[in-house]
Amino acid sequence: MWGNWIYMRNRFIQLIFKISKEEDAFDILEKEVLKLTKKEISQSIIDCGILPEIFTHDSSEEKLWAKFTDILLAASLTFLNIPSEVLRTRGDSADVFGKAKNYSIVADAKTFRLSRTAKNQKDFKVKALDDWRKGNNYALLVSPLIQYPSRRSQIYFQAIDKNVTLLSYTHLNLMLTYNDNKDFKPLWEVGKNLKAKLNSTEQQQAEIYWENIDKSVCKILNINEDALSNIKTLEMQKTKEIGQEGIDFWQNKIKEYKKLSKEEAINRLIASEKIETKIKTIMKAISFDN
């Protein structure tokens, strides 16, 4: 199983390097993703939210990986009986649109580098998703679970206030694994239900929000929370593995710089790339025991 996850990730990293400069790169990538089975999609979805360190910041590869996550999200929703597509509209629009039998939904998939420093509420665009919903019934944001604020945050208040559902790729993996023509409408209404029960302070609490999301997912899938806990553990293990790859990548960069002739140039390069800070940030991100 682990080998399959690693293989799938490396396969698409190499494909993105190969096609990123092509005019039809998105079409090529989408075609390859849509060839995947539901099981392969569920394997890929668990770690697509970790952006490969090997991609240069703001490069065509980085941007195409972001599209990769959108394509995976659309494919996942389709396998959940919510036929979906990645929208080609530029700006002021959600990235994914889905149409179920009784409702429509807009969605956005997030991917972050483990080396990136603290995120803020603007990174999650909860209010923007509500605006992009327009005449559609529901709005969904999917991000790695470890990247969401772990304590108190306005994004939970906004999600509850605007009924924008926050999910992790871990939940999506579970939904793909146990789905059997389930109705996920109650999940898309968690925020609305919490708004009626919680005061404004409680609506900002991460623990309360995720407890209700977990219960809703497990109830819909008719499983106990141990299954979800097992998937969360797998995500942590996979994150540690990918995190180590990122650490190795940046440590190799340091070695490359140290081969330069002038020590001053070496020190300036290390400082300008903030490599040591990136390594420490990844280590902190994967230190789940703290």
Protein backbone atom coordinates (compact mmCIF):
# COMPACT_ATOMS: atom_id res chain seq x y z
CA MET A 1 0.00 0.00 0.00
CA TRP A 2 2.74 2.44 0.97
CA GLY A 3 4.67 1.60 -2.17
CA ASN A 4 1.62 2.45 -4.25
CA TRP A 5 1.27 5.88 -2.61
CA ILE A 6 4.91 6.70 -3.20
CA TYR A 7 4.78 5.44 -6.76
CA MET A 8 1.68 7.47 -7.58
CA ARG A 9 3.12 10.65 -6.11
CA ASN A 10 6.44 10.32 -7.91
CA ARG A 11 4.68 9.44 -11.14
CA PHE A 12 2.73 12.68 -11.18
CA ILE A 13 5.68 14.77 -10.03
CA GLN A 14 7.66 13.52 -13.02
CA LEU A 15 4.70 14.02 -15.37
CA ILE A 16 4.31 17.62 -14.20
CA PHE A 17 8.00 18.30 -14.79
CA LYS A 18 7.62 16.87 -18.28
CA ILE A 19 4.51 18.77 -19.38
CA SER A 20 4.51 21.98 -17.30
CA LYS A 21 5.69 24.17 -20.20
CA GLU A 22 3.18 22.74 -22.66
CA GLU A 23 0.17 24.84 -23.66
CA ASP A 24 -2.16 21.91 -23.06
CA ALA A 25 -0.50 20.83 -19.79
CA PHE A 26 -3.78 20.95 -17.85
CA ASP A 27 -5.56 18.79 -20.43
CA ILE A 28 -2.77 16.20 -20.40
CA LEU A 29 -2.76 16.08 -16.62
CA GLU A 30 -6.53 15.85 -16.34
CA LYS A 31 -6.61 13.02 -18.88
CA GLU A 32 -4.06 11.04 -16.84
CA VAL A 33 -5.88 11.59 -13.54
CA LEU A 34 -9.21 10.54 -15.02
CA LYS A 35 -7.68 7.19 -15.96
CA LEU A 36 -7.22 6.38 -12.27
CA THR A 37 -9.50 3.98 -10.43
CA LYS A 38 -11.35 4.99 -7.27
CA LYS A 39 -8.73 3.18 -5.18
CA GLU A 40 -5.90 5.01 -6.95
CA ILE A 41 -7.68 8.32 -6.47
CA SER A 42 -8.09 7.61 -2.75
CA GLN A 43 -4.36 6.79 -2.51
CA SER A 44 -3.35 9.99 -4.29
CA ILE A 45 -5.77 12.26 -2.44
CA ILE A 46 -4.24 11.57 0.97
CA ASP A 47 -0.99 13.45 0.24
CA CYS A 48 -1.73 15.74 -2.71
CA GLY A 49 -2.11 18.59 -0.23
CA ILE A 50 1.65 18.50 0.42
CA LEU A 51 3.30 20.52 -2.32
CA PRO A 52 6.64 18.97 -3.41
CA GLU A 53 9.65 20.97 -2.22
CA ILE A 54 11.37 20.11 -5.48
CA PHE A 55 9.07 22.51 -7.34
CA THR A 56 10.44 26.06 -7.45
CA HIS A 57 8.26 28.66 -5.73
CA ASP A 58 5.70 30.22 -8.09
CA SER A 59 6.92 28.04 -10.95
CA SER A 60 4.75 26.50 -13.67
CA GLU A 61 5.24 23.15 -11.91
CA GLU A 62 3.93 24.51 -8.62
CA LYS A 63 0.88 26.00 -10.33
CA LEU A 64 0.20 22.77 -12.19
CA TRP A 65 0.38 20.78 -8.94
CA ALA A 66 -2.32 23.08 -7.55
CA LYS A 67 -4.44 22.16 -10.57
CA PHE A 68 -3.62 18.51 -9.92
CA THR A 69 -5.28 18.77 -6.50
CA ASP A 70 -8.36 20.36 -8.08
CA ILE A 71 -8.59 17.54 -10.63
CA LEU A 72 -8.27 14.95 -7.86
CA LEU A 73 -10.98 16.67 -5.85
CA ALA A 74 -13.34 16.74 -8.85
CA ALA A 75 -12.64 13.05 -9.54
CA SER A 76 -13.23 12.21 -5.87
CA LEU A 77 -16.59 13.99 -5.78
CA THR A 78 -17.58 12.23 -8.99
CA PHE A 79 -16.84 8.85 -7.37
CA LEU A 80 -19.05 10.03 -4.46
CA ASN A 81 -21.97 10.36 -6.89
CA ILE A 82 -21.52 14.12 -7.24
CA PRO A 83 -20.45 14.48 -10.92
CA SER A 84 -17.87 17.28 -10.89
CA GLU A 85 -15.47 19.17 -13.11
CA VAL A 86 -12.63 21.65 -12.77
CA LEU A 87 -13.81 25.04 -13.98
CA ARG A 88 -11.67 26.90 -16.50
CA THR A 89 -12.98 30.32 -15.44
CA ARG A 90 -10.22 32.75 -14.40
CA GLY A 91 -10.56 34.67 -11.14
CA ASP A 92 -13.56 35.25 -8.87
CA SER A 93 -14.69 31.67 -9.20
CA ALA A 94 -14.43 28.38 -7.37
CA ASP A 95 -12.11 25.83 -8.97
CA VAL A 96 -14.49 22.86 -8.88
CA PHE A 97 -18.21 22.54 -9.57
CA GLY A 98 -20.34 19.51 -8.76
CA LYS A 99 -23.97 18.66 -9.43
CA ALA A 100 -25.67 15.94 -7.40
CA LYS A 101 -29.22 14.75 -7.87
CA ASN A 102 -30.74 17.23 -5.41
CA TYR A 103 -28.12 19.97 -5.04
CA SER A 104 -25.07 21.70 -6.50
CA ILE A 105 -21.74 22.43 -4.81
CA VAL A 106 -18.65 24.53 -5.48
CA ALA A 107 -15.30 23.46 -4.07
CA ASP A 108 -11.66 24.38 -3.72
CA ALA A 109 -8.62 22.20 -2.95
CA LYS A 110 -5.62 23.56 -1.05
CA THR A 111 -2.00 22.43 -1.20
CA PHE A 112 0.83 23.78 0.98
CA ARG A 113 4.56 23.28 1.37
CA LEU A 114 5.56 21.81 4.70
CA SER A 115 8.38 24.37 4.74
CA ARG A 116 5.98 27.27 4.59
CA THR A 117 5.60 29.32 7.75
CA ALA A 118 2.32 30.06 9.52
CA LYS A 119 -0.84 30.30 7.43
CA ASN A 120 -3.57 32.85 8.07
CA GLN A 121 -7.28 32.92 7.38
CA LYS A 122 -6.79 34.56 3.97
CA ASP A 123 -5.03 31.42 2.74
CA PHE A 124 -8.23 29.42 3.13
CA LYS A 125 -10.55 31.88 1.35
CA VAL A 126 -13.67 30.80 3.24
CA LYS A 127 -15.52 34.06 2.58
CA ALA A 128 -14.46 33.98 -1.07
CA LEU A 129 -15.89 30.48 -1.44
CA ASP A 130 -19.18 31.72 -0.04
CA ASP A 131 -19.18 34.50 -2.63
CA TRP A 132 -18.27 32.07 -5.41
CA ARG A 133 -21.15 29.82 -4.41
CA LYS A 134 -23.56 32.27 -6.10
CA GLY A 135 -26.76 30.36 -6.83
CA ASN A 136 -25.38 26.96 -5.85
CA ASN A 137 -26.45 25.23 -2.64
CA TYR A 138 -23.18 24.34 -0.92
CA ALA A 139 -19.50 25.24 -0.73
CA LEU A 140 -16.59 22.98 0.23
CA LEU A 141 -12.94 23.60 1.10
CA VAL A 142 -10.48 20.70 1.33
CA SER A 143 -7.01 21.04 2.85
CA PRO A 144 -4.49 18.84 4.67
CA LEU A 145 -5.74 18.37 8.23
CA ILE A 146 -2.42 19.50 9.75
CA GLN A 147 -2.56 22.79 7.87
CA TYR A 148 -5.83 23.93 9.41
CA PRO A 149 -5.55 26.03 12.59
CA SER A 150 -5.44 23.61 15.51
CA ARG A 151 -6.97 25.87 18.15
CA ARG A 152 -9.05 29.01 17.81
CA SER A 153 -9.51 30.67 14.42
CA GLN A 154 -11.83 32.93 12.50
CA ILE A 155 -11.94 30.42 9.65
CA TYR A 156 -14.17 28.16 11.76
CA PHE A 157 -16.44 31.06 12.65
CA GLN A 158 -16.64 32.01 8.96
CA ALA A 159 -17.25 28.41 7.90
CA ILE A 160 -20.11 28.05 10.38
CA ASP A 161 -21.53 31.51 9.68
CA LYS A 162 -21.53 31.02 5.90
CA ASN A 163 -22.11 27.25 5.95
CA VAL A 164 -18.91 26.51 4.05
CA THR A 165 -17.85 22.94 4.83
CA LEU A 166 -14.21 22.44 5.78
CA LEU A 167 -12.85 18.96 5.12
CA SER A 168 -9.45 17.31 5.06
CA TYR A 169 -8.04 14.94 2.46
CA THR A 170 -8.14 12.36 5.26
CA HIS A 171 -11.93 12.63 5.42
CA LEU A 172 -12.13 12.46 1.63
CA ASN A 173 -10.04 9.30 1.62
CA LEU A 174 -12.41 7.73 4.14
CA MET A 175 -15.46 8.78 2.15
CA LEU A 176 -14.03 7.18 -1.01
CA THR A 177 -13.14 4.00 0.87
CA TYR A 178 -16.51 3.44 2.56
CA ASN A 179 -18.91 5.14 0.17
CA ASP A 180 -21.82 3.02 -1.02
CA ASN A 181 -24.30 5.42 -2.58
CA LYS A 182 -24.35 7.53 0.57
CA ASP A 183 -26.09 10.87 0.84
CA PHE A 184 -23.54 13.49 1.92
CA LYS A 185 -26.01 16.34 2.16
CA PRO A 186 -25.96 16.32 6.00
CA LEU A 187 -22.19 16.88 5.87
CA TRP A 188 -22.62 19.99 3.74
CA GLU A 189 -25.01 21.38 6.39
CA VAL A 190 -22.79 20.91 9.47
CA GLY A 191 -21.99 24.62 9.59
CA LYS A 192 -25.64 25.66 9.44
CA ASN A 193 -26.51 23.25 12.25
CA LEU A 194 -23.62 24.40 14.44
CA LYS A 195 -24.60 28.04 13.99
CA ALA A 196 -27.90 27.29 15.69
CA LYS A 197 -26.23 25.53 18.64
CA LEU A 198 -22.99 27.40 19.40
CA ASN A 199 -22.20 30.87 20.67
CA SER A 200 -19.70 33.07 18.82
CA THR A 201 -16.77 31.98 20.98
CA GLU A 202 -17.52 28.29 20.52
CA GLN A 203 -17.83 28.79 16.77
CA GLN A 204 -14.13 29.69 16.61
CA GLN A 205 -12.91 26.49 18.29
CA ALA A 206 -11.13 23.97 16.08
CA GLU A 207 -11.80 21.04 18.40
CA ILE A 208 -15.55 21.60 18.41
CA TYR A 209 -15.71 22.03 14.64
CA TRP A 210 -13.69 18.91 13.80
CA GLU A 211 -15.49 16.80 16.38
CA ASN A 212 -18.76 17.54 14.59
CA ILE A 213 -17.26 16.96 11.13
CA ASP A 214 -15.84 13.62 12.28
CA LYS A 215 -19.17 12.53 13.75
CA SER A 216 -21.06 13.56 10.63
CA VAL A 217 -18.72 11.68 8.28
CA CYS A 218 -18.76 8.53 10.42
CA LYS A 219 -22.55 8.63 10.78
CA ILE A 220 -23.08 8.99 7.03
CA LEU A 221 -20.63 6.16 6.26
CA ASN A 222 -22.02 4.02 9.12
CA ILE A 223 -18.58 3.40 10.61
CA ASN A 224 -17.05 3.99 14.03
CA GLU A 225 -14.49 6.70 14.65
CA ASP A 226 -11.68 4.16 14.95
CA ALA A 227 -11.64 3.87 11.16
CA LEU A 228 -11.18 7.63 10.86
CA SER A 229 -8.49 7.56 13.54
CA ASN A 230 -6.60 4.91 11.58
CA ILE A 231 -6.65 7.03 8.43
CA LYS A 232 -5.44 10.06 10.39
CA THR A 233 -2.53 7.96 11.67
CA LEU A 234 -1.69 6.91 8.11
CA GLU A 235 -1.74 10.56 7.05
CA MET A 236 0.71 11.45 9.83
CA GLN A 237 3.06 8.66 8.77
CA LYS A 238 2.87 9.69 5.12
CA THR A 239 3.45 13.33 6.05
CA LYS A 240 6.54 12.37 8.02
CA GLU A 241 7.84 10.41 5.05
CA ILE A 242 7.28 13.25 2.60
CA GLY A 243 8.63 15.70 5.16
CA GLN A 244 11.87 13.75 5.32
CA GLU A 245 12.07 13.92 1.52
CA GLY A 246 11.77 17.69 1.80
CA ILE A 247 14.48 17.84 4.46
CA ASP A 248 16.77 15.70 2.28
CA PHE A 249 16.10 17.96 -0.71
CA TRP A 250 17.09 21.13 1.13
CA GLN A 251 20.07 19.51 2.82
CA ASN A 252 21.33 18.47 -0.62
CA LYS A 253 20.91 22.07 -1.71
CA ILE A 254 23.19 23.13 1.11
CA LYS A 255 25.77 20.60 -0.07
CA GLU A 256 25.57 22.01 -3.60
CA TYR A 257 26.11 25.54 -2.36
CA LYS A 258 29.07 24.47 -0.28
CA LYS A 259 30.83 23.36 -3.43
CA LEU A 260 30.96 26.97 -4.58
CA SER A 261 34.35 28.64 -4.45
CA LYS A 262 33.62 31.59 -2.21
CA GLU A 263 32.45 31.08 1.35
CA GLU A 264 30.67 34.37 1.37
CA ALA A 265 28.66 33.37 -1.68
CA ILE A 266 27.76 30.08 0.00
CA ASN A 267 26.53 31.78 3.16
CA ARG A 268 24.53 34.31 1.18
CA LEU A 269 22.86 31.58 -0.86
CA ILE A 270 21.92 29.58 2.23
CA ALA A 271 20.55 32.69 3.90
CA SER A 272 18.64 33.88 0.83
CA GLU A 273 16.90 30.52 0.43
CA LYS A 274 16.09 30.33 4.17
CA ILE A 275 16.85 26.62 3.90
CA GLU A 276 17.61 25.95 7.55
CA THR A 277 14.34 27.65 8.50
CA LYS A 278 12.46 25.47 6.01
CA ILE A 279 13.97 22.31 7.50
CA LYS A 280 13.01 23.38 11.02
CA THR A 281 9.47 24.23 9.87
CA ILE A 282 9.02 20.79 8.29
CA MET A 283 10.40 19.11 11.42
CA LYS A 284 7.88 21.03 13.52
CA ALA A 285 5.06 20.13 11.12
CA ILE A 286 5.77 16.40 11.45
CA SER A 287 6.44 16.36 15.19
CA PHE A 288 3.04 14.91 16.05
CA ASP A 289 4.17 13.72 19.48
CA ASN A 290 4.53 17.28 20.82
